[in-house]
C-alpha cells in the first residue's frame, strides 16, 4: 500500500472509536475490534497494492479516491468483505461496501 498519511490514520482511529471499536495500531494498519468483529483498517491515499487475504478489511482514504479504490477492489475481487471510507474536508465521510 502507499504511504500512510498521518491525517488519514487519525481519521481512521477517530471514526472507528466513535463507532464503538477498540483500536490498536498494527504495522501500518489499525486493528479495530468490537464484540466478535475484527476489522483490519488500512489508511492509505492510493490503492497501490490490495492485500490478498483477510476476513474483514476497511480502507480509509480521501473522498476523491473512493471511486478509484472501488474499481480496483472490484477488478481484483479479493476473497474478503471490504469497505472504503472516504474522508472529506468537513469532518464527514462516505462509505462504500462490496456489493453482494
PDB file of N, CA and C in Angstrom:
ATOM      1  N   UNK A   1       0.845  -1.171   0.000  1.00  0.00           N
ATOM      2  CA  UNK A   1       0.000   0.000   0.000  1.00  0.00           C
ATOM      3  C   UNK A   1       0.889   1.232   0.000  1.00  0.00           C
ATOM      4  N   UNK A   2       0.325   2.347  -0.414  1.00  0.00           N
ATOM      5  CA  UNK A   2       1.104   3.574  -0.460  1.00  0.00           C
ATOM      6  C   UNK A   2       1.332   4.130   0.935  1.00  0.00           C
ATOM      7  N   UNK A   3       2.096   5.191   1.001  1.00  0.00           N
ATOM      8  CA  UNK A   3       2.439   5.805   2.271  1.00  0.00           C
ATOM      9  C   UNK A   3       1.191   6.191   3.046  1.00  0.00           C
ATOM     10  N   UNK A   4       1.218   5.917   4.330  1.00  0.00           N
ATOM     11  CA  UNK A   4       0.102   6.252   5.195  1.00  0.00           C
ATOM     12  C   UNK A   4       0.198   7.716   5.587  1.00  0.00           C
ATOM     13  N   UNK A   5      -0.871   8.439   5.369  1.00  0.00           N
ATOM     14  CA  UNK A   5      -0.950   9.828   5.784  1.00  0.00           C
ATOM     15  C   UNK A   5      -1.318   9.868   7.262  1.00  0.00           C
ATOM     16  N   UNK A   6      -0.596  10.677   8.029  1.00  0.00           N
ATOM     17  CA  UNK A   6      -0.905  10.815   9.452  1.00  0.00           C
ATOM     18  C   UNK A   6      -2.339  11.282   9.644  1.00  0.00           C
ATOM     19  N   UNK A   7      -2.789  12.184   8.769  1.00  0.00           N
ATOM     20  CA  UNK A   7      -4.173  12.677   8.854  1.00  0.00           C
ATOM     21  C   UNK A   7      -5.164  11.532   8.639  1.00  0.00           C
ATOM     22  N   UNK A   8      -4.903  10.664   7.669  1.00  0.00           N
ATOM     23  CA  UNK A   8      -5.793   9.529   7.420  1.00  0.00           C
ATOM     24  C   UNK A   8      -5.778   8.553   8.587  1.00  0.00           C
ATOM     25  N   UNK A   9      -4.617   8.336   9.159  1.00  0.00           N
ATOM     26  CA  UNK A   9      -4.522   7.433  10.303  1.00  0.00           C
ATOM     27  C   UNK A   9      -5.345   7.969  11.475  1.00  0.00           C
ATOM     28  N   UNK A  10      -5.224   9.259  11.749  1.00  0.00           N
ATOM     29  CA  UNK A  10      -6.004   9.881  12.833  1.00  0.00           C
ATOM     30  C   UNK A  10      -7.501   9.802  12.536  1.00  0.00           C
ATOM     31  N   UNK A  11      -7.870  10.063  11.289  1.00  0.00           N
ATOM     32  CA  UNK A  11      -9.281   9.978  10.906  1.00  0.00           C
ATOM     33  C   UNK A  11      -9.821   8.560  11.095  1.00  0.00           C
ATOM     34  N   UNK A  12      -9.056   7.571  10.654  1.00  0.00           N
ATOM     35  CA  UNK A  12      -9.472   6.175  10.787  1.00  0.00           C
ATOM     36  C   UNK A  12      -9.672   5.812  12.257  1.00  0.00           C
ATOM     37  N   UNK A  13      -8.718   6.171  13.092  1.00  0.00           N
ATOM     38  CA  UNK A  13      -8.834   5.882  14.523  1.00  0.00           C
ATOM     39  C   UNK A  13     -10.063   6.569  15.110  1.00  0.00           C
ATOM     40  N   UNK A  14     -10.285   7.816  14.748  1.00  0.00           N
ATOM     41  CA  UNK A  14     -11.416   8.585  15.261  1.00  0.00           C
ATOM     42  C   UNK A  14     -12.751   7.978  14.823  1.00  0.00           C
ATOM     43  N   UNK A  15     -12.872   7.634  13.549  1.00  0.00           N
ATOM     44  CA  UNK A  15     -14.117   7.060  13.032  1.00  0.00           C
ATOM     45  C   UNK A  15     -14.435   5.755  13.749  1.00  0.00           C
ATOM     46  N   UNK A  16     -13.469   4.860  13.842  1.00  0.00           N
ATOM     47  CA  UNK A  16     -13.736   3.561  14.455  1.00  0.00           C
ATOM     48  C   UNK A  16     -13.942   3.671  15.967  1.00  0.00           C
ATOM     49  N   UNK A  17     -13.268   4.593  16.612  1.00  0.00           N
ATOM     50  CA  UNK A  17     -13.509   4.826  18.044  1.00  0.00           C
ATOM     51  C   UNK A  17     -14.929   5.340  18.251  1.00  0.00           C
ATOM     52  N   UNK A  18     -15.352   6.292  17.416  1.00  0.00           N
ATOM     53  CA  UNK A  18     -16.718   6.827  17.504  1.00  0.00           C
ATOM     54  C   UNK A  18     -17.771   5.750  17.258  1.00  0.00           C
ATOM     55  N   UNK A  19     -17.432   4.744  16.460  1.00  0.00           N
ATOM     56  CA  UNK A  19     -18.355   3.639  16.186  1.00  0.00           C
ATOM     57  C   UNK A  19     -18.337   2.574  17.288  1.00  0.00           C
ATOM     58  N   UNK A  20     -17.530   2.790  18.321  1.00  0.00           N
ATOM     59  CA  UNK A  20     -17.506   1.870  19.454  1.00  0.00           C
ATOM     60  C   UNK A  20     -16.469   0.769  19.379  1.00  0.00           C
ATOM     61  N   UNK A  21     -15.544   0.874  18.462  1.00  0.00           N
ATOM     62  CA  UNK A  21     -14.481  -0.125  18.335  1.00  0.00           C
ATOM     63  C   UNK A  21     -13.310   0.234  19.237  1.00  0.00           C
ATOM     64  N   UNK A  22     -12.581  -0.770  19.664  1.00  0.00           N
ATOM     65  CA  UNK A  22     -11.297  -0.581  20.324  1.00  0.00           C
ATOM     66  C   UNK A  22     -10.254  -0.638  19.221  1.00  0.00           C
ATOM     67  N   UNK A  23      -9.437   0.406  19.107  1.00  0.00           N
ATOM     68  CA  UNK A  23      -8.462   0.458  18.019  1.00  0.00           C
ATOM     69  C   UNK A  23      -7.040   0.325  18.541  1.00  0.00           C
ATOM     70  N   UNK A  24      -6.212  -0.387  17.778  1.00  0.00           N
ATOM     71  CA  UNK A  24      -4.804  -0.567  18.105  1.00  0.00           C
ATOM     72  C   UNK A  24      -3.991  -0.467  16.827  1.00  0.00           C
ATOM     73  N   UNK A  25      -2.937   0.367  16.837  1.00  0.00           N
ATOM     74  CA  UNK A  25      -2.047   0.433  15.676  1.00  0.00           C
ATOM     75  C   UNK A  25      -1.348  -0.912  15.475  1.00  0.00           C
ATOM     76  N   UNK A  26      -1.145  -1.285  14.209  1.00  0.00           N
ATOM     77  CA  UNK A  26      -0.555  -2.592  13.913  1.00  0.00           C
ATOM     78  C   UNK A  26       0.188  -2.539  12.579  1.00  0.00           C
ATOM     79  N   UNK A  27       1.458  -2.197  12.586  1.00  0.00           N
ATOM     80  CA  UNK A  27       2.326  -2.220  11.398  1.00  0.00           C
ATOM     81  C   UNK A  27       1.712  -1.563  10.166  1.00  0.00           C
ATOM     82  N   UNK A  28       1.423  -0.263  10.242  1.00  0.00           N
ATOM     83  CA  UNK A  28       0.878   0.464   9.102  1.00  0.00           C
ATOM     84  C   UNK A  28      -0.616   0.326   8.939  1.00  0.00           C
ATOM     85  N   UNK A  29      -1.233  -0.478   9.780  1.00  0.00           N
ATOM     86  CA  UNK A  29      -2.671  -0.657   9.753  1.00  0.00           C
ATOM     87  C   UNK A  29      -3.210  -0.404  11.158  1.00  0.00           C
ATOM     88  N   UNK A  30      -4.508  -0.532  11.280  1.00  0.00           N
ATOM     89  CA  UNK A  30      -5.161  -0.399  12.575  1.00  0.00           C
ATOM     90  C   UNK A  30      -6.051  -1.614  12.749  1.00  0.00           C
ATOM     91  N   UNK A  31      -6.000  -2.194  13.918  1.00  0.00           N
ATOM     92  CA  UNK A  31      -6.885  -3.312  14.246  1.00  0.00           C
ATOM     93  C   UNK A  31      -8.050  -2.723  15.035  1.00  0.00           C
ATOM     94  N   UNK A  32      -9.257  -2.891  14.515  1.00  0.00           N
ATOM     95  CA  UNK A  32     -10.460  -2.374  15.166  1.00  0.00           C
ATOM     96  C   UNK A  32     -11.305  -3.556  15.626  1.00  0.00           C
ATOM     97  N   UNK A  33     -11.603  -3.598  16.931  1.00  0.00           N
ATOM     98  CA  UNK A  33     -12.344  -4.730  17.496  1.00  0.00           C
ATOM     99  C   UNK A  33     -13.587  -4.257  18.233  1.00  0.00           C
ATOM    100  N   UNK A  34     -14.671  -4.987  18.016  1.00  0.00           N
ATOM    101  CA  UNK A  34     -15.906  -4.742  18.759  1.00  0.00           C
ATOM    102  C   UNK A  34     -16.689  -6.038  18.776  1.00  0.00           C
ATOM    103  N   UNK A  35     -17.016  -6.488  19.970  1.00  0.00           N
ATOM    104  CA  UNK A  35     -17.700  -7.769  20.164  1.00  0.00           C
ATOM    105  C   UNK A  35     -16.926  -8.864  19.439  1.00  0.00           C
ATOM    106  N   UNK A  36     -17.556  -9.560  18.525  1.00  0.00           N
ATOM    107  CA  UNK A  36     -16.913 -10.660  17.805  1.00  0.00           C
ATOM    108  C   UNK A  36     -16.207 -10.197  16.537  1.00  0.00           C
ATOM    109  N   UNK A  37     -16.350  -8.938  16.178  1.00  0.00           N
ATOM    110  CA  UNK A  37     -15.868  -8.431  14.891  1.00  0.00           C
ATOM    111  C   UNK A  37     -14.468  -7.829  15.005  1.00  0.00           C
ATOM    112  N   UNK A  38     -13.591  -8.231  14.103  1.00  0.00           N
ATOM    113  CA  UNK A  38     -12.255  -7.643  13.992  1.00  0.00           C
ATOM    114  C   UNK A  38     -12.092  -7.159  12.559  1.00  0.00           C
ATOM    115  N   UNK A  39     -11.774  -5.876  12.418  1.00  0.00           N
ATOM    116  CA  UNK A  39     -11.604  -5.272  11.101  1.00  0.00           C
ATOM    117  C   UNK A  39     -10.167  -4.774  10.982  1.00  0.00           C
ATOM    118  N   UNK A  40      -9.492  -5.167   9.906  1.00  0.00           N
ATOM    119  CA  UNK A  40      -8.172  -4.621   9.596  1.00  0.00           C
ATOM    120  C   UNK A  40      -8.399  -3.338   8.813  1.00  0.00           C
ATOM    121  N   UNK A  41      -7.972  -2.222   9.370  1.00  0.00           N
ATOM    122  CA  UNK A  41      -8.200  -0.914   8.762  1.00  0.00           C
ATOM    123  C   UNK A  41      -6.882  -0.422   8.174  1.00  0.00           C
ATOM    124  N   UNK A  42      -6.915  -0.068   6.896  1.00  0.00           N
ATOM    125  CA  UNK A  42      -5.730   0.411   6.202  1.00  0.00           C
ATOM    126  C   UNK A  42      -5.933   1.849   5.754  1.00  0.00           C
ATOM    127  N   UNK A  43      -5.303   2.805   6.457  1.00  0.00           N
ATOM    128  CA  UNK A  43      -5.360   4.187   5.984  1.00  0.00           C
ATOM    129  C   UNK A  43      -4.317   4.374   4.885  1.00  0.00           C
ATOM    130  N   UNK A  44      -4.755   4.791   3.698  1.00  0.00           N
ATOM    131  CA  UNK A  44      -3.836   4.952   2.577  1.00  0.00           C
ATOM    132  C   UNK A  44      -4.430   5.912   1.548  1.00  0.00           C
ATOM    133  N   UNK A  45      -3.570   6.623   0.871  1.00  0.00           N
ATOM    134  CA  UNK A  45      -4.030   7.607  -0.104  1.00  0.00           C
ATOM    135  C   UNK A  45      -4.419   6.986  -1.438  1.00  0.00           C
ATOM    136  N   UNK A  46      -3.712   5.932  -1.857  1.00  0.00           N
ATOM    137  CA  UNK A  46      -3.956   5.328  -3.165  1.00  0.00           C
ATOM    138  C   UNK A  46      -3.995   3.811  -3.069  1.00  0.00           C
ATOM    139  N   UNK A  47      -4.768   3.174  -3.943  1.00  0.00           N
ATOM    140  CA  UNK A  47      -4.889   1.715  -3.912  1.00  0.00           C
ATOM    141  C   UNK A  47      -3.779   1.020  -4.693  1.00  0.00           C
ATOM    142  N   UNK A  48      -2.547   1.174  -4.248  1.00  0.00           N
ATOM    143  CA  UNK A  48      -1.430   0.566  -4.966  1.00  0.00           C
ATOM    144  C   UNK A  48      -1.493  -0.955  -4.939  1.00  0.00           C
ATOM    145  N   UNK A  49      -1.349  -1.514  -3.774  1.00  0.00           N
ATOM    146  CA  UNK A  49      -1.381  -2.969  -3.618  1.00  0.00           C
ATOM    147  C   UNK A  49      -2.521  -3.322  -2.675  1.00  0.00           C
ATOM    148  N   UNK A  50      -3.403  -4.172  -3.137  1.00  0.00           N
ATOM    149  CA  UNK A  50      -4.533  -4.606  -2.328  1.00  0.00           C
ATOM    150  C   UNK A  50      -4.138  -5.905  -1.625  1.00  0.00           C
ATOM    151  N   UNK A  51      -4.311  -5.979  -0.290  1.00  0.00           N
ATOM    152  CA  UNK A  51      -3.993  -7.234   0.405  1.00  0.00           C
ATOM    153  C   UNK A  51      -4.791  -8.395  -0.181  1.00  0.00           C
ATOM    154  N   UNK A  52      -4.145  -9.546  -0.262  1.00  0.00           N
ATOM    155  CA  UNK A  52      -4.787 -10.700  -0.888  1.00  0.00           C
ATOM    156  C   UNK A  52      -5.561 -11.562   0.101  1.00  0.00           C
ATOM    157  N   UNK A  53      -5.401 -11.299   1.395  1.00  0.00           N
ATOM    158  CA  UNK A  53      -6.097 -12.134   2.371  1.00  0.00           C
ATOM    159  C   UNK A  53      -6.688 -11.280   3.480  1.00  0.00           C
ATOM    160  N   UNK A  54      -7.523 -11.921   4.241  1.00  0.00           N
ATOM    161  CA  UNK A  54      -8.165 -11.261   5.361  1.00  0.00           C
ATOM    162  C   UNK A  54      -9.598 -11.736   5.467  1.00  0.00           C
ATOM    163  N   UNK A  55     -10.286 -11.226   6.461  1.00  0.00           N
ATOM    164  CA  UNK A  55     -11.682 -11.570   6.651  1.00  0.00           C
ATOM    165  C   UNK A  55     -12.550 -10.333   6.437  1.00  0.00           C
ATOM    166  N   UNK A  56     -12.211  -9.277   7.188  1.00  0.00           N
ATOM    167  CA  UNK A  56     -12.914  -8.007   7.054  1.00  0.00           C
ATOM    168  C   UNK A  56     -11.869  -6.909   6.975  1.00  0.00           C
ATOM    169  N   UNK A  57     -11.937  -6.123   5.904  1.00  0.00           N
ATOM    170  CA  UNK A  57     -10.972  -5.046   5.707  1.00  0.00           C
ATOM    171  C   UNK A  57     -11.693  -3.749   5.378  1.00  0.00           C
ATOM    172  N   UNK A  58     -11.111  -2.667   5.857  1.00  0.00           N
ATOM    173  CA  UNK A  58     -11.627  -1.346   5.549  1.00  0.00           C
ATOM    174  C   UNK A  58     -10.457  -0.462   5.137  1.00  0.00           C
ATOM    175  N   UNK A  59     -10.633   0.234   4.025  1.00  0.00           N
ATOM    176  CA  UNK A  59      -9.613   1.155   3.536  1.00  0.00           C
ATOM    177  C   UNK A  59     -10.109   2.568   3.797  1.00  0.00           C
ATOM    178  N   UNK A  60      -9.281   3.378   4.446  1.00  0.00           N
ATOM    179  CA  UNK A  60      -9.640   4.766   4.728  1.00  0.00           C
ATOM    180  C   UNK A  60      -8.763   5.647   3.860  1.00  0.00           C
ATOM    181  N   UNK A  61      -9.418   6.480   3.056  1.00  0.00           N
ATOM    182  CA  UNK A  61      -8.727   7.313   2.089  1.00  0.00           C
ATOM    183  C   UNK A  61      -9.428   8.666   2.014  1.00  0.00           C
ATOM    184  N   UNK A  62      -8.982   9.513   1.132  1.00  0.00           N
ATOM    185  CA  UNK A  62      -9.656  10.784   0.908  1.00  0.00           C
ATOM    186  C   UNK A  62     -10.849  10.544  -0.017  1.00  0.00           C
ATOM    187  N   UNK A  63     -11.910  11.317   0.155  1.00  0.00           N
ATOM    188  CA  UNK A  63     -13.159  11.107  -0.591  1.00  0.00           C
ATOM    189  C   UNK A  63     -12.940  11.053  -2.101  1.00  0.00           C
ATOM    190  N   UNK A  64     -12.028  11.856  -2.616  1.00  0.00           N
ATOM    191  CA  UNK A  64     -11.812  11.887  -4.069  1.00  0.00           C
ATOM    192  C   UNK A  64     -11.155  10.608  -4.605  1.00  0.00           C
ATOM    193  N   UNK A  65     -10.661   9.742  -3.737  1.00  0.00           N
ATOM    194  CA  UNK A  65     -10.023   8.493  -4.169  1.00  0.00           C
ATOM    195  C   UNK A  65     -10.939   7.281  -4.054  1.00  0.00           C
ATOM    196  N   UNK A  66     -12.141   7.451  -3.528  1.00  0.00           N
ATOM    197  CA  UNK A  66     -13.040   6.321  -3.273  1.00  0.00           C
ATOM    198  C   UNK A  66     -13.378   5.563  -4.552  1.00  0.00           C
ATOM    199  N   UNK A  67     -13.726   6.254  -5.609  1.00  0.00           N
ATOM    200  CA  UNK A  67     -14.103   5.578  -6.858  1.00  0.00           C
ATOM    201  C   UNK A  67     -12.946   4.749  -7.406  1.00  0.00           C
ATOM    202  N   UNK A  68     -11.744   5.293  -7.356  1.00  0.00           N
ATOM    203  CA  UNK A  68     -10.558   4.571  -7.827  1.00  0.00           C
ATOM    204  C   UNK A  68     -10.352   3.295  -6.997  1.00  0.00           C
ATOM    205  N   UNK A  69     -10.484   3.408  -5.674  1.00  0.00           N
ATOM    206  CA  UNK A  69     -10.365   2.240  -4.799  1.00  0.00           C
ATOM    207  C   UNK A  69     -11.424   1.199  -5.133  1.00  0.00           C
ATOM    208  N   UNK A  70     -12.662   1.659  -5.279  1.00  0.00           N
ATOM    209  CA  UNK A  70     -13.767   0.741  -5.539  1.00  0.00           C
ATOM    210  C   UNK A  70     -13.549  -0.025  -6.846  1.00  0.00           C
ATOM    211  N   UNK A  71     -13.097   0.655  -7.874  1.00  0.00           N
ATOM    212  CA  UNK A  71     -12.820  -0.007  -9.159  1.00  0.00           C
ATOM    213  C   UNK A  71     -11.733  -1.068  -9.010  1.00  0.00           C
ATOM    214  N   UNK A  72     -10.655  -0.713  -8.318  1.00  0.00           N
ATOM    215  CA  UNK A  72      -9.546  -1.658  -8.151  1.00  0.00           C
ATOM    216  C   UNK A  72      -9.998  -2.891  -7.354  1.00  0.00           C
ATOM    217  N   UNK A  73     -10.715  -2.667  -6.276  1.00  0.00           N
ATOM    218  CA  UNK A  73     -11.192  -3.796  -5.472  1.00  0.00           C
ATOM    219  C   UNK A  73     -12.173  -4.662  -6.254  1.00  0.00           C
ATOM    220  N   UNK A  74     -13.040  -4.044  -7.018  1.00  0.00           N
ATOM    221  CA  UNK A  74     -13.993  -4.814  -7.827  1.00  0.00           C
ATOM    222  C   UNK A  74     -13.271  -5.635  -8.889  1.00  0.00           C
ATOM    223  N   UNK A  75     -12.238  -5.050  -9.513  1.00  0.00           N
ATOM    224  CA  UNK A  75     -11.446  -5.763 -10.526  1.00  0.00           C
ATOM    225  C   UNK A  75     -10.696  -6.947  -9.922  1.00  0.00           C
ATOM    226  N   UNK A  76     -10.046  -6.706  -8.796  1.00  0.00           N
ATOM    227  CA  UNK A  76      -9.224  -7.756  -8.181  1.00  0.00           C
ATOM    228  C   UNK A  76     -10.063  -8.771  -7.417  1.00  0.00           C
ATOM    229  N   UNK A  77     -11.267  -8.382  -7.016  1.00  0.00           N
ATOM    230  CA  UNK A  77     -12.210  -9.270  -6.349  1.00  0.00           C
ATOM    231  C   UNK A  77     -11.579 -10.119  -5.229  1.00  0.00           C
ATOM    232  N   UNK A  78     -11.014  -9.472  -4.208  1.00  0.00           N
ATOM    233  CA  UNK A  78     -10.399 -10.235  -3.124  1.00  0.00           C
ATOM    234  C   UNK A  78     -11.436 -11.059  -2.363  1.00  0.00           C
ATOM    235  N   UNK A  79     -10.966 -12.114  -1.734  1.00  0.00           N
ATOM    236  CA  UNK A  79     -11.848 -13.047  -1.034  1.00  0.00           C
ATOM    237  C   UNK A  79     -12.057 -12.615   0.420  1.00  0.00           C
ATOM    238  N   UNK A  80     -12.519 -11.389   0.628  1.00  0.00           N
ATOM    239  CA  UNK A  80     -12.854 -10.898   1.964  1.00  0.00           C
ATOM    240  C   UNK A  80     -13.884  -9.790   1.839  1.00  0.00           C
ATOM    241  N   UNK A  81     -14.591  -9.548   2.927  1.00  0.00           N
ATOM    242  CA  UNK A  81     -15.511  -8.417   2.964  1.00  0.00           C
ATOM    243  C   UNK A  81     -14.689  -7.148   3.023  1.00  0.00           C
ATOM    244  N   UNK A  82     -15.094  -6.127   2.276  1.00  0.00           N
ATOM    245  CA  UNK A  82     -14.355  -4.875   2.313  1.00  0.00           C
ATOM    246  C   UNK A  82     -15.296  -3.682   2.297  1.00  0.00           C
ATOM    247  N   UNK A  83     -14.764  -2.597   2.823  1.00  0.00           N
ATOM    248  CA  UNK A  83     -15.448  -1.311   2.784  1.00  0.00           C
ATOM    249  C   UNK A  83     -14.394  -0.241   2.559  1.00  0.00           C
ATOM    250  N   UNK A  84     -14.840   0.876   2.026  1.00  0.00           N
ATOM    251  CA  UNK A  84     -13.955   2.024   1.807  1.00  0.00           C
ATOM    252  C   UNK A  84     -14.603   3.214   2.495  1.00  0.00           C
ATOM    253  N   UNK A  85     -13.830   3.911   3.303  1.00  0.00           N
ATOM    254  CA  UNK A  85     -14.302   5.143   3.926  1.00  0.00           C
ATOM    255  C   UNK A  85     -13.520   6.280   3.303  1.00  0.00           C
ATOM    256  N   UNK A  86     -14.242   7.214   2.711  1.00  0.00           N
ATOM    257  CA  UNK A  86     -13.622   8.396   2.111  1.00  0.00           C
ATOM    258  C   UNK A  86     -13.872   9.606   2.988  1.00  0.00           C
ATOM    259  N   UNK A  87     -12.813  10.166   3.565  1.00  0.00           N
ATOM    260  CA  UNK A  87     -12.967  11.315   4.454  1.00  0.00           C
ATOM    261  C   UNK A  87     -12.977  12.611   3.643  1.00  0.00           C
ATOM    262  N   UNK A  88     -13.772  13.554   4.122  1.00  0.00           N
ATOM    263  CA  UNK A  88     -13.903  14.849   3.457  1.00  0.00           C
ATOM    264  C   UNK A  88     -13.242  15.926   4.313  1.00  0.00           C
ATOM    265  N   UNK A  89     -13.156  17.118   3.763  1.00  0.00           N
ATOM    266  CA  UNK A  89     -12.534  18.236   4.484  1.00  0.00           C
ATOM    267  C   UNK A  89     -13.396  18.774   5.621  1.00  0.00           C
ATOM    268  N   UNK A  90     -14.677  18.431   5.637  1.00  0.00           N
ATOM    269  CA  UNK A  90     -15.568  18.977   6.656  1.00  0.00           C
ATOM    270  C   UNK A  90     -15.925  17.968   7.748  1.00  0.00           C
ATOM    271  N   UNK A  91     -14.963  17.110   8.100  1.00  0.00           N
ATOM    272  CA  UNK A  91     -15.133  16.116   9.174  1.00  0.00           C
ATOM    273  C   UNK A  91     -16.296  15.159   8.935  1.00  0.00           C
ATOM    274  N   UNK A  92     -16.569  14.877   7.693  1.00  0.00           N
ATOM    275  CA  UNK A  92     -17.602  13.921   7.331  1.00  0.00           C
ATOM    276  C   UNK A  92     -16.931  12.803   6.542  1.00  0.00           C
ATOM    277  N   UNK A  93     -17.687  11.776   6.212  1.00  0.00           N
ATOM    278  CA  UNK A  93     -17.120  10.710   5.391  1.00  0.00           C
ATOM    279  C   UNK A  93     -18.211   9.984   4.630  1.00  0.00           C
ATOM    280  N   UNK A  94     -17.801   9.327   3.556  1.00  0.00           N
ATOM    281  CA  UNK A  94     -18.686   8.485   2.749  1.00  0.00           C
ATOM    282  C   UNK A  94     -18.199   7.043   2.876  1.00  0.00           C
ATOM    283  N   UNK A  95     -19.130   6.108   2.746  1.00  0.00           N
ATOM    284  CA  UNK A  95     -18.775   4.693   2.879  1.00  0.00           C
ATOM    285  C   UNK A  95     -19.269   3.948   1.648  1.00  0.00           C
ATOM    286  N   UNK A  96     -18.405   3.110   1.113  1.00  0.00           N
ATOM    287  CA  UNK A  96     -18.768   2.188   0.026  1.00  0.00           C
ATOM    288  C   UNK A  96     -18.416   0.789   0.497  1.00  0.00           C
ATOM    289  N   UNK A  97     -19.259  -0.172   0.163  1.00  0.00           N
ATOM    290  CA  UNK A  97     -19.014  -1.559   0.556  1.00  0.00           C
ATOM    291  C   UNK A  97     -19.024  -2.459  -0.658  1.00  0.00           C
ATOM    292  N   UNK A  98     -18.456  -3.620  -0.460  1.00  0.00           N
ATOM    293  CA  UNK A  98     -18.513  -4.652  -1.506  1.00  0.00           C
ATOM    294  C   UNK A  98     -19.979  -5.013  -1.717  1.00  0.00           C
ATOM    295  N   UNK A  99     -20.422  -5.000  -2.961  1.00  0.00           N
ATOM    296  CA  UNK A  99     -21.810  -5.385  -3.222  1.00  0.00           C
ATOM    297  C   UNK A  99     -21.907  -6.903  -3.232  1.00  0.00           C
ATOM    298  N   UNK A 100     -22.988  -7.385  -2.717  1.00  0.00           N
ATOM    299  CA  UNK A 100     -23.175  -8.837  -2.594  1.00  0.00           C
ATOM    300  C   UNK A 100     -23.600  -9.470  -3.882  1.00  0.00           C
TER     301      UNK A 100
END
